[in-house]
Amino acid sequence: MSDQKPKLEVEVIKSSQRWRIKPHTNGAESLNYSYEALSHHMSDKMMFPYLVTIPPSHGKSIEPSSHDGEEFIYILSGSIKANIDKESYHLKKGDTVYFDPAINHNFINEGYTDAQVLVCLINKKNNSMPLNAFERAYGDLK
């Protein structure tokens, strides 16, 4: 017999059980959004899905970030400007973008209502991931 927990192979998260996070560090605040972890019980995984709410960005300086892995974004509502490397992409409901997040990027909501975005991050370095979901996604933003 082993003391190890069995590997969780199926995870169901009801909408009332989502892990809701608002930026709590100066670095995270500069990203101008809040997010909900859509999968937060399984520890041995490579994909991390989030529901991200991006409020209007008017008058805010949104710093670019970069991190390991791969990133996929699907616009659920509203519209955003995705600045990836030196290019800008105007994305609206139904649009997607897949990119290497090691290059500088940020997302700006130039509208007047919140934008909701499904973000899926894939971490290629699964065995060395921090336990904190925000740090797994964006590293230490201090």
C-alpha atoms as a PDB file:
ATOM      1  CA  MET A   1       0.000   0.000   0.000  1.00  0.00           C
ATOM      2  CA  SER A   2       1.132   3.515  -0.743  1.00  0.00           C
ATOM      3  CA  ASP A   3       0.517   6.786   1.092  1.00  0.00           C
ATOM      4  CA  GLN A   4       0.328   8.649  -2.211  1.00  0.00           C
ATOM      5  CA  LYS A   5      -3.004  10.141  -3.260  1.00  0.00           C
ATOM      6  CA  PRO A   6      -4.418   8.620  -6.424  1.00  0.00           C
ATOM      7  CA  LYS A   7      -3.915  10.775  -9.526  1.00  0.00           C
ATOM      8  CA  LEU A   8      -6.987  12.897 -10.236  1.00  0.00           C
ATOM      9  CA  GLU A   9      -8.049  12.042 -13.794  1.00  0.00           C
ATOM     10  CA  VAL A  10     -11.300  14.010 -14.031  1.00  0.00           C
ATOM     11  CA  GLU A  11     -11.924  17.439 -12.568  1.00  0.00           C
ATOM     12  CA  VAL A  12     -15.298  19.165 -12.562  1.00  0.00           C
ATOM     13  CA  ILE A  13     -15.446  22.758 -11.340  1.00  0.00           C
ATOM     14  CA  LYS A  14     -18.937  24.182 -10.865  1.00  0.00           C
ATOM     15  CA  SER A  15     -19.241  27.897 -11.629  1.00  0.00           C
ATOM     16  CA  SER A  16     -19.755  28.614  -7.910  1.00  0.00           C
ATOM     17  CA  GLN A  17     -16.474  26.815  -7.103  1.00  0.00           C
ATOM     18  CA  ARG A  18     -14.167  28.789  -9.383  1.00  0.00           C
ATOM     19  CA  TRP A  19     -11.061  30.263  -7.841  1.00  0.00           C
ATOM     20  CA  ARG A  20     -11.485  34.005  -8.425  1.00  0.00           C
ATOM     21  CA  ILE A  21      -8.337  36.116  -8.274  1.00  0.00           C
ATOM     22  CA  LYS A  22      -7.945  39.861  -8.440  1.00  0.00           C
ATOM     23  CA  PRO A  23      -4.485  41.355  -8.888  1.00  0.00           C
ATOM     24  CA  HIS A  24      -2.783  41.672  -5.499  1.00  0.00           C
ATOM     25  CA  THR A  25       0.740  42.812  -6.324  1.00  0.00           C
ATOM     26  CA  ASN A  26       1.938  45.997  -8.009  1.00  0.00           C
ATOM     27  CA  GLY A  27       3.103  43.952 -10.989  1.00  0.00           C
ATOM     28  CA  ALA A  28      -0.186  42.094 -11.287  1.00  0.00           C
ATOM     29  CA  GLU A  29      -2.177  45.312 -10.898  1.00  0.00           C
ATOM     30  CA  SER A  30      -0.351  46.702 -13.927  1.00  0.00           C
ATOM     31  CA  LEU A  31      -1.917  43.914 -16.026  1.00  0.00           C
ATOM     32  CA  ASN A  32      -5.378  45.466 -15.381  1.00  0.00           C
ATOM     33  CA  TYR A  33      -7.505  42.340 -15.117  1.00  0.00           C
ATOM     34  CA  SER A  34      -8.914  39.698 -12.817  1.00  0.00           C
ATOM     35  CA  TYR A  35      -9.241  36.018 -13.572  1.00  0.00           C
ATOM     36  CA  GLU A  36     -10.926  32.799 -12.539  1.00  0.00           C
ATOM     37  CA  ALA A  37      -8.995  29.536 -12.593  1.00  0.00           C
ATOM     38  CA  LEU A  38     -11.225  27.071 -14.433  1.00  0.00           C
ATOM     39  CA  SER A  39      -9.143  24.081 -13.333  1.00  0.00           C
ATOM     40  CA  HIS A  40      -7.308  24.252 -10.035  1.00  0.00           C
ATOM     41  CA  HIS A  41      -7.451  20.820  -8.382  1.00  0.00           C
ATOM     42  CA  MET A  42      -5.392  18.734 -10.790  1.00  0.00           C
ATOM     43  CA  SER A  43      -1.723  19.221 -10.043  1.00  0.00           C
ATOM     44  CA  ASP A  44      -0.094  17.041 -12.710  1.00  0.00           C
ATOM     45  CA  LYS A  45      -1.217  18.910 -15.818  1.00  0.00           C
ATOM     46  CA  MET A  46       0.261  21.005 -18.558  1.00  0.00           C
ATOM     47  CA  MET A  47      -2.741  23.167 -19.550  1.00  0.00           C
ATOM     48  CA  PHE A  48      -4.136  25.959 -17.365  1.00  0.00           C
ATOM     49  CA  PRO A  49      -7.479  27.473 -18.455  1.00  0.00           C
ATOM     50  CA  TYR A  50      -8.652  30.837 -17.092  1.00  0.00           C
ATOM     51  CA  LEU A  51     -11.640  33.101 -17.565  1.00  0.00           C
ATOM     52  CA  VAL A  52     -10.120  36.575 -17.663  1.00  0.00           C
ATOM     53  CA  THR A  53     -12.050  39.814 -17.242  1.00  0.00           C
ATOM     54  CA  ILE A  54     -10.323  42.852 -18.725  1.00  0.00           C
ATOM     55  CA  PRO A  55     -11.933  46.130 -17.668  1.00  0.00           C
ATOM     56  CA  PRO A  56     -11.623  49.263 -19.812  1.00  0.00           C
ATOM     57  CA  SER A  57      -7.977  50.331 -19.900  1.00  0.00           C
ATOM     58  CA  HIS A  58      -8.444  54.044 -20.583  1.00  0.00           C
ATOM     59  CA  GLY A  59      -5.688  56.119 -18.992  1.00  0.00           C
ATOM     60  CA  LYS A  60      -3.843  53.085 -17.577  1.00  0.00           C
ATOM     61  CA  SER A  61      -0.319  52.092 -18.424  1.00  0.00           C
ATOM     62  CA  ILE A  62      -0.422  48.343 -19.084  1.00  0.00           C
ATOM     63  CA  GLU A  63       3.052  46.854 -18.827  1.00  0.00           C
ATOM     64  CA  PRO A  64       3.986  43.960 -21.131  1.00  0.00           C
ATOM     65  CA  SER A  65       4.755  40.589 -19.618  1.00  0.00           C
ATOM     66  CA  SER A  66       6.410  37.394 -20.810  1.00  0.00           C
ATOM     67  CA  HIS A  67       6.544  33.827 -19.530  1.00  0.00           C
ATOM     68  CA  ASP A  68       7.320  30.286 -20.626  1.00  0.00           C
ATOM     69  CA  GLY A  69       4.923  27.976 -22.417  1.00  0.00           C
ATOM     70  CA  GLU A  70       2.291  28.561 -25.062  1.00  0.00           C
ATOM     71  CA  GLU A  71      -0.817  30.753 -24.866  1.00  0.00           C
ATOM     72  CA  PHE A  72      -4.212  30.548 -26.568  1.00  0.00           C
ATOM     73  CA  ILE A  73      -6.857  33.265 -26.217  1.00  0.00           C
ATOM     74  CA  TYR A  74     -10.524  33.188 -27.278  1.00  0.00           C
ATOM     75  CA  ILE A  75     -12.576  36.390 -27.000  1.00  0.00           C
ATOM     76  CA  LEU A  76     -15.932  35.566 -25.385  1.00  0.00           C
ATOM     77  CA  SER A  77     -17.317  39.107 -25.193  1.00  0.00           C
ATOM     78  CA  GLY A  78     -16.153  42.643 -25.799  1.00  0.00           C
ATOM     79  CA  SER A  79     -12.967  43.428 -27.676  1.00  0.00           C
ATOM     80  CA  ILE A  80      -9.279  43.863 -26.864  1.00  0.00           C
ATOM     81  CA  LYS A  81      -6.089  45.008 -28.500  1.00  0.00           C
ATOM     82  CA  ALA A  82      -3.445  42.281 -28.177  1.00  0.00           C
ATOM     83  CA  ASN A  83       0.046  43.762 -28.364  1.00  0.00           C
ATOM     84  CA  ILE A  84       2.400  40.875 -29.121  1.00  0.00           C
ATOM     85  CA  ASP A  85       6.026  41.735 -29.763  1.00  0.00           C
ATOM     86  CA  LYS A  86       5.860  44.758 -32.076  1.00  0.00           C
ATOM     87  CA  GLU A  87       2.467  43.938 -33.625  1.00  0.00           C
ATOM     88  CA  SER A  88      -1.043  44.930 -32.485  1.00  0.00           C
ATOM     89  CA  TYR A  89      -4.099  42.791 -33.179  1.00  0.00           C
ATOM     90  CA  HIS A  90      -7.649  44.058 -32.670  1.00  0.00           C
ATOM     91  CA  LEU A  91      -9.726  41.097 -31.493  1.00  0.00           C
ATOM     92  CA  LYS A  92     -13.476  40.922 -30.952  1.00  0.00           C
ATOM     93  CA  LYS A  93     -15.981  38.283 -29.858  1.00  0.00           C
ATOM     94  CA  GLY A  94     -15.188  34.956 -31.510  1.00  0.00           C
ATOM     95  CA  ASP A  95     -11.599  35.857 -32.481  1.00  0.00           C
ATOM     96  CA  THR A  96      -8.630  33.827 -31.272  1.00  0.00           C
ATOM     97  CA  VAL A  97      -4.871  34.182 -31.049  1.00  0.00           C
ATOM     98  CA  TYR A  98      -2.234  31.527 -30.283  1.00  0.00           C
ATOM     99  CA  PHE A  99       1.310  32.682 -29.583  1.00  0.00           C
ATOM    100  CA  ASP A 100       4.606  32.096 -27.826  1.00  0.00           C
ATOM    101  CA  PRO A 101       4.270  34.071 -24.577  1.00  0.00           C
ATOM    102  CA  ALA A 102       8.051  34.299 -24.149  1.00  0.00           C
ATOM    103  CA  ILE A 103       7.800  37.419 -26.304  1.00  0.00           C
ATOM    104  CA  ASN A 104       6.509  40.594 -24.662  1.00  0.00           C
ATOM    105  CA  HIS A 105       2.742  40.939 -24.752  1.00  0.00           C
ATOM    106  CA  ASN A 106      -0.164  42.734 -23.113  1.00  0.00           C
ATOM    107  CA  PHE A 107      -3.894  43.120 -23.628  1.00  0.00           C
ATOM    108  CA  ILE A 108      -5.696  46.442 -23.675  1.00  0.00           C
ATOM    109  CA  ASN A 109      -9.435  46.977 -23.530  1.00  0.00           C
ATOM    110  CA  GLU A 110     -10.075  50.147 -25.520  1.00  0.00           C
ATOM    111  CA  GLY A 111     -13.851  49.783 -25.144  1.00  0.00           C
ATOM    112  CA  TYR A 112     -16.182  50.988 -22.410  1.00  0.00           C
ATOM    113  CA  THR A 113     -17.391  47.625 -21.031  1.00  0.00           C
ATOM    114  CA  ASP A 114     -15.509  44.629 -19.638  1.00  0.00           C
ATOM    115  CA  ALA A 115     -14.100  42.097 -22.093  1.00  0.00           C
ATOM    116  CA  GLN A 116     -14.231  38.415 -21.151  1.00  0.00           C
ATOM    117  CA  VAL A 117     -11.531  36.163 -22.524  1.00  0.00           C
ATOM    118  CA  LEU A 118     -10.835  32.440 -22.244  1.00  0.00           C
ATOM    119  CA  VAL A 119      -7.087  31.984 -21.808  1.00  0.00           C
ATOM    120  CA  CYS A 120      -5.386  28.583 -21.964  1.00  0.00           C
ATOM    121  CA  LEU A 121      -1.746  28.450 -20.946  1.00  0.00           C
ATOM    122  CA  ILE A 122       0.435  25.451 -21.592  1.00  0.00           C
ATOM    123  CA  ASN A 123       3.534  25.119 -19.482  1.00  0.00           C
ATOM    124  CA  LYS A 124       6.214  23.033 -21.182  1.00  0.00           C
ATOM    125  CA  LYS A 125       8.156  22.838 -17.902  1.00  0.00           C
ATOM    126  CA  ASN A 126       5.439  20.937 -16.020  1.00  0.00           C
ATOM    127  CA  ASN A 127       7.761  19.348 -13.445  1.00  0.00           C
ATOM    128  CA  SER A 128       9.102  22.657 -12.101  1.00  0.00           C
ATOM    129  CA  MET A 129       5.879  24.654 -11.769  1.00  0.00           C
ATOM    130  CA  PRO A 130       5.100  26.701  -8.671  1.00  0.00           C
ATOM    131  CA  LEU A 131       1.962  25.803  -6.728  1.00  0.00           C
ATOM    132  CA  ASN A 132       0.405  29.255  -7.037  1.00  0.00           C
ATOM    133  CA  ALA A 133      -1.735  29.463 -10.203  1.00  0.00           C
ATOM    134  CA  PHE A 134      -0.858  33.114 -10.872  1.00  0.00           C
ATOM    135  CA  GLU A 135       2.876  32.410 -10.603  1.00  0.00           C
ATOM    136  CA  ARG A 136       2.451  29.357 -12.859  1.00  0.00           C
ATOM    137  CA  ALA A 137       0.880  31.599 -15.462  1.00  0.00           C
ATOM    138  CA  TYR A 138       2.888  34.787 -15.184  1.00  0.00           C
ATOM    139  CA  GLY A 139       5.876  34.211 -12.922  1.00  0.00           C
ATOM    140  CA  ASP A 140       6.870  36.583 -10.160  1.00  0.00           C
ATOM    141  CA  LEU A 141       5.658  40.048 -11.178  1.00  0.00           C
ATOM    142  CA  LYS A 142       7.102  41.981  -8.231  1.00  0.00           C
END
